[in-house]
Amino acid sequence: MAEKAAWDFLKTPEGNKLTLVTILPAFIVGPPITNSEGGSVQYLTMFKTKGSESPQSPLGLIDVIDVAEAHLRAAKLEKIESQRFIMV
């Protein structure tokens, strides 16, 4: 919904001066930044404790470093405005 609202805003007089690039990562994993176990850590722990090496359903795991790199590249590259990048 938020992404659609952003694309719709570009069609308004206030938004037509802006450009937009969206990066849509799948399930982001990486080292936690706090001592608390967030949802992603709990989710991955669930598979480990059930004896499964990986989820039984398809799941695109994206490392947080790769997501950060994608944002940096998108900010620096020219001629990618109005693009939508899906990371899987």
N, C-alpha and C. Protein backbone atom coordinates (compact mmCIF):
# COMPACT_ATOMS: atom_id res chain seq x y z
N MET A 1 0.80 -1.19 0.00
CA MET A 1 0.00 0.00 0.00
C MET A 1 0.85 1.26 0.00
N ALA A 2 1.90 1.27 0.80
CA ALA A 2 2.76 2.46 0.86
C ALA A 2 3.47 2.68 -0.47
N GLU A 3 3.91 1.59 -1.09
CA GLU A 3 4.58 1.75 -2.38
C GLU A 3 3.62 2.30 -3.43
N LYS A 4 2.41 1.78 -3.45
CA LYS A 4 1.41 2.27 -4.42
C LYS A 4 1.11 3.75 -4.17
N ALA A 5 1.02 4.12 -2.91
CA ALA A 5 0.77 5.52 -2.58
C ALA A 5 1.92 6.40 -3.07
N ALA A 6 3.14 5.91 -2.96
CA ALA A 6 4.29 6.68 -3.44
C ALA A 6 4.24 6.85 -4.96
N TRP A 7 3.93 5.76 -5.67
CA TRP A 7 3.83 5.86 -7.14
C TRP A 7 2.68 6.79 -7.54
N ASP A 8 1.57 6.72 -6.82
CA ASP A 8 0.42 7.59 -7.11
C ASP A 8 0.79 9.06 -6.85
N PHE A 9 1.58 9.30 -5.80
CA PHE A 9 1.97 10.67 -5.48
C PHE A 9 2.77 11.30 -6.61
N LEU A 10 3.54 10.50 -7.32
CA LEU A 10 4.33 11.04 -8.43
C LEU A 10 3.46 11.59 -9.55
N LYS A 11 2.23 11.17 -9.60
CA LYS A 11 1.30 11.64 -10.64
C LYS A 11 0.63 12.96 -10.28
N THR A 12 0.87 13.45 -9.06
CA THR A 12 0.26 14.70 -8.62
C THR A 12 1.16 15.88 -8.98
N PRO A 13 0.62 17.09 -8.97
CA PRO A 13 1.45 18.27 -9.27
C PRO A 13 2.64 18.41 -8.30
N GLU A 14 2.44 18.05 -7.03
CA GLU A 14 3.53 18.15 -6.06
C GLU A 14 4.58 17.08 -6.29
N GLY A 15 4.16 15.91 -6.74
CA GLY A 15 5.08 14.79 -6.88
C GLY A 15 5.75 14.66 -8.22
N ASN A 16 5.24 15.38 -9.23
CA ASN A 16 5.79 15.19 -10.58
C ASN A 16 7.21 15.74 -10.74
N LYS A 17 7.71 16.44 -9.73
CA LYS A 17 9.09 16.94 -9.78
C LYS A 17 10.07 15.92 -9.20
N LEU A 18 9.55 14.87 -8.62
CA LEU A 18 10.38 13.87 -7.95
C LEU A 18 10.58 12.63 -8.81
N THR A 19 11.58 11.86 -8.46
CA THR A 19 11.78 10.54 -9.08
C THR A 19 11.71 9.51 -7.96
N LEU A 20 11.41 8.29 -8.33
CA LEU A 20 11.25 7.24 -7.33
C LEU A 20 11.86 5.95 -7.84
N VAL A 21 12.56 5.28 -6.97
CA VAL A 21 13.07 3.93 -7.21
C VAL A 21 12.70 3.13 -5.98
N THR A 22 12.10 1.98 -6.17
CA THR A 22 11.76 1.14 -5.03
C THR A 22 12.60 -0.14 -5.06
N ILE A 23 13.01 -0.55 -3.88
CA ILE A 23 13.76 -1.80 -3.72
C ILE A 23 12.94 -2.66 -2.77
N LEU A 24 12.56 -3.82 -3.27
CA LEU A 24 11.68 -4.71 -2.54
C LEU A 24 12.39 -6.03 -2.23
N PRO A 25 13.05 -6.09 -1.09
CA PRO A 25 13.74 -7.33 -0.75
C PRO A 25 12.77 -8.38 -0.23
N ALA A 26 13.16 -9.63 -0.40
CA ALA A 26 12.38 -10.73 0.17
C ALA A 26 12.64 -10.74 1.68
N PHE A 27 12.80 -11.87 2.26
CA PHE A 27 13.00 -12.03 3.70
C PHE A 27 14.45 -11.64 4.05
N ILE A 28 14.61 -10.54 4.77
CA ILE A 28 15.94 -10.03 5.10
C ILE A 28 16.49 -10.73 6.33
N VAL A 29 17.71 -11.23 6.22
CA VAL A 29 18.37 -11.88 7.36
C VAL A 29 19.73 -11.23 7.57
N GLY A 30 20.23 -11.35 8.78
CA GLY A 30 21.53 -10.81 9.10
C GLY A 30 21.71 -10.79 10.59
N PRO A 31 22.86 -10.33 11.02
CA PRO A 31 23.10 -10.30 12.46
C PRO A 31 22.17 -9.31 13.15
N PRO A 32 21.66 -9.68 14.31
CA PRO A 32 20.77 -8.75 15.03
C PRO A 32 21.56 -7.55 15.54
N ILE A 33 20.90 -6.41 15.61
CA ILE A 33 21.56 -5.20 16.10
C ILE A 33 21.27 -4.97 17.59
N THR A 34 20.43 -5.80 18.16
CA THR A 34 20.13 -5.71 19.60
C THR A 34 20.22 -7.10 20.20
N ASN A 35 20.12 -7.18 21.51
CA ASN A 35 20.14 -8.48 22.18
C ASN A 35 18.79 -9.19 22.10
N SER A 36 17.76 -8.48 21.72
CA SER A 36 16.44 -9.07 21.63
C SER A 36 16.29 -9.84 20.33
N GLU A 37 15.64 -10.98 20.40
CA GLU A 37 15.40 -11.76 19.19
C GLU A 37 14.18 -11.21 18.47
N GLY A 38 14.41 -10.70 17.29
CA GLY A 38 13.30 -10.19 16.49
C GLY A 38 12.57 -11.31 15.78
N GLY A 39 11.60 -10.94 15.00
CA GLY A 39 10.78 -11.92 14.30
C GLY A 39 11.56 -12.80 13.34
N SER A 40 12.53 -12.24 12.64
CA SER A 40 13.27 -13.05 11.67
C SER A 40 14.15 -14.07 12.37
N VAL A 41 14.75 -13.69 13.50
CA VAL A 41 15.57 -14.66 14.24
C VAL A 41 14.69 -15.78 14.78
N GLN A 42 13.54 -15.44 15.31
CA GLN A 42 12.62 -16.46 15.83
C GLN A 42 12.14 -17.37 14.70
N TYR A 43 11.87 -16.81 13.55
CA TYR A 43 11.39 -17.59 12.41
C TYR A 43 12.44 -18.60 11.97
N LEU A 44 13.68 -18.16 11.85
CA LEU A 44 14.74 -19.07 11.43
C LEU A 44 15.07 -20.09 12.51
N THR A 45 14.99 -19.70 13.77
CA THR A 45 15.22 -20.64 14.88
C THR A 45 14.18 -21.74 14.86
N MET A 46 12.95 -21.43 14.48
CA MET A 46 11.89 -22.42 14.42
C MET A 46 12.27 -23.57 13.50
N PHE A 47 12.86 -23.28 12.36
CA PHE A 47 13.25 -24.33 11.43
C PHE A 47 14.41 -25.16 11.97
N LYS A 48 15.33 -24.49 12.63
CA LYS A 48 16.48 -25.19 13.19
C LYS A 48 16.06 -26.13 14.31
N THR A 49 15.17 -25.70 15.17
CA THR A 49 14.75 -26.53 16.30
C THR A 49 13.86 -27.69 15.87
N LYS A 50 13.23 -27.57 14.73
CA LYS A 50 12.39 -28.66 14.23
C LYS A 50 13.21 -29.65 13.41
N GLY A 51 14.51 -29.45 13.34
CA GLY A 51 15.37 -30.39 12.64
C GLY A 51 15.47 -30.16 11.15
N SER A 52 14.95 -29.09 10.67
CA SER A 52 15.00 -28.81 9.24
C SER A 52 16.13 -27.83 8.96
N GLU A 53 16.90 -28.11 7.95
CA GLU A 53 17.98 -27.20 7.57
C GLU A 53 17.44 -25.96 6.87
N SER A 54 16.32 -26.10 6.20
CA SER A 54 15.74 -24.97 5.49
C SER A 54 14.23 -25.12 5.47
N PRO A 55 13.53 -24.03 5.25
CA PRO A 55 12.07 -24.10 5.19
C PRO A 55 11.61 -25.04 4.07
N GLN A 56 10.46 -25.65 4.27
CA GLN A 56 9.89 -26.55 3.26
C GLN A 56 9.25 -25.78 2.11
N SER A 57 8.89 -24.55 2.35
CA SER A 57 8.30 -23.74 1.28
C SER A 57 9.37 -22.82 0.70
N PRO A 58 9.20 -22.41 -0.55
CA PRO A 58 10.18 -21.49 -1.14
C PRO A 58 10.24 -20.19 -0.34
N LEU A 59 11.43 -19.77 -0.03
CA LEU A 59 11.60 -18.56 0.75
C LEU A 59 12.87 -17.87 0.28
N GLY A 60 12.74 -16.67 -0.24
CA GLY A 60 13.92 -15.93 -0.68
C GLY A 60 14.56 -15.22 0.49
N LEU A 61 15.74 -15.66 0.87
CA LEU A 61 16.47 -15.03 1.96
C LEU A 61 17.49 -14.05 1.38
N ILE A 62 17.48 -12.83 1.86
CA ILE A 62 18.40 -11.80 1.39
C ILE A 62 19.20 -11.29 2.58
N ASP A 63 20.52 -11.27 2.44
CA ASP A 63 21.37 -10.77 3.50
C ASP A 63 21.22 -9.26 3.61
N VAL A 64 21.19 -8.77 4.83
CA VAL A 64 21.00 -7.34 5.08
C VAL A 64 22.09 -6.50 4.41
N ILE A 65 23.30 -7.04 4.29
CA ILE A 65 24.39 -6.32 3.63
C ILE A 65 24.08 -6.13 2.14
N ASP A 66 23.50 -7.16 1.51
CA ASP A 66 23.13 -7.04 0.10
C ASP A 66 22.02 -6.00 -0.11
N VAL A 67 21.09 -5.94 0.83
CA VAL A 67 20.02 -4.94 0.74
C VAL A 67 20.60 -3.54 0.88
N ALA A 68 21.52 -3.36 1.82
CA ALA A 68 22.15 -2.06 1.99
C ALA A 68 22.93 -1.67 0.73
N GLU A 69 23.64 -2.63 0.15
CA GLU A 69 24.41 -2.37 -1.08
C GLU A 69 23.47 -1.95 -2.22
N ALA A 70 22.33 -2.60 -2.33
CA ALA A 70 21.36 -2.26 -3.38
C ALA A 70 20.88 -0.82 -3.21
N HIS A 71 20.63 -0.40 -1.97
CA HIS A 71 20.20 0.98 -1.73
C HIS A 71 21.30 1.97 -2.10
N LEU A 72 22.53 1.66 -1.75
CA LEU A 72 23.63 2.56 -2.10
C LEU A 72 23.80 2.68 -3.61
N ARG A 73 23.73 1.55 -4.29
CA ARG A 73 23.87 1.58 -5.75
C ARG A 73 22.73 2.36 -6.40
N ALA A 74 21.53 2.16 -5.90
CA ALA A 74 20.37 2.87 -6.47
C ALA A 74 20.51 4.37 -6.26
N ALA A 75 21.08 4.78 -5.15
CA ALA A 75 21.25 6.20 -4.88
C ALA A 75 22.30 6.83 -5.78
N LYS A 76 23.29 6.05 -6.21
CA LYS A 76 24.40 6.59 -6.99
C LYS A 76 24.20 6.50 -8.49
N LEU A 77 23.41 5.53 -8.94
CA LEU A 77 23.26 5.33 -10.38
C LEU A 77 22.32 6.35 -11.00
N GLU A 78 22.64 6.74 -12.21
CA GLU A 78 21.76 7.63 -12.96
C GLU A 78 20.90 6.78 -13.90
N LYS A 79 19.86 7.36 -14.38
CA LYS A 79 18.98 6.72 -15.37
C LYS A 79 18.28 5.47 -14.84
N ILE A 80 18.00 5.41 -13.56
CA ILE A 80 17.20 4.28 -13.06
C ILE A 80 15.91 4.76 -12.41
N GLU A 81 15.59 6.06 -12.60
CA GLU A 81 14.37 6.56 -12.00
C GLU A 81 13.16 5.80 -12.53
N SER A 82 12.15 5.74 -11.70
CA SER A 82 10.90 5.04 -12.01
C SER A 82 11.12 3.55 -12.23
N GLN A 83 12.05 3.01 -11.50
CA GLN A 83 12.31 1.57 -11.58
C GLN A 83 11.90 0.89 -10.28
N ARG A 84 11.61 -0.38 -10.40
CA ARG A 84 11.20 -1.19 -9.27
C ARG A 84 12.09 -2.42 -9.26
N PHE A 85 12.86 -2.62 -8.18
CA PHE A 85 13.77 -3.74 -8.08
C PHE A 85 13.29 -4.71 -7.02
N ILE A 86 13.11 -5.95 -7.41
CA ILE A 86 12.68 -6.99 -6.48
C ILE A 86 13.88 -7.89 -6.22
N MET A 87 14.26 -8.01 -4.96
CA MET A 87 15.41 -8.82 -4.58
C MET A 87 14.94 -10.15 -4.02
N VAL A 88 15.39 -11.22 -4.66
CA VAL A 88 15.07 -12.57 -4.17
C VAL A 88 16.32 -13.42 -4.12
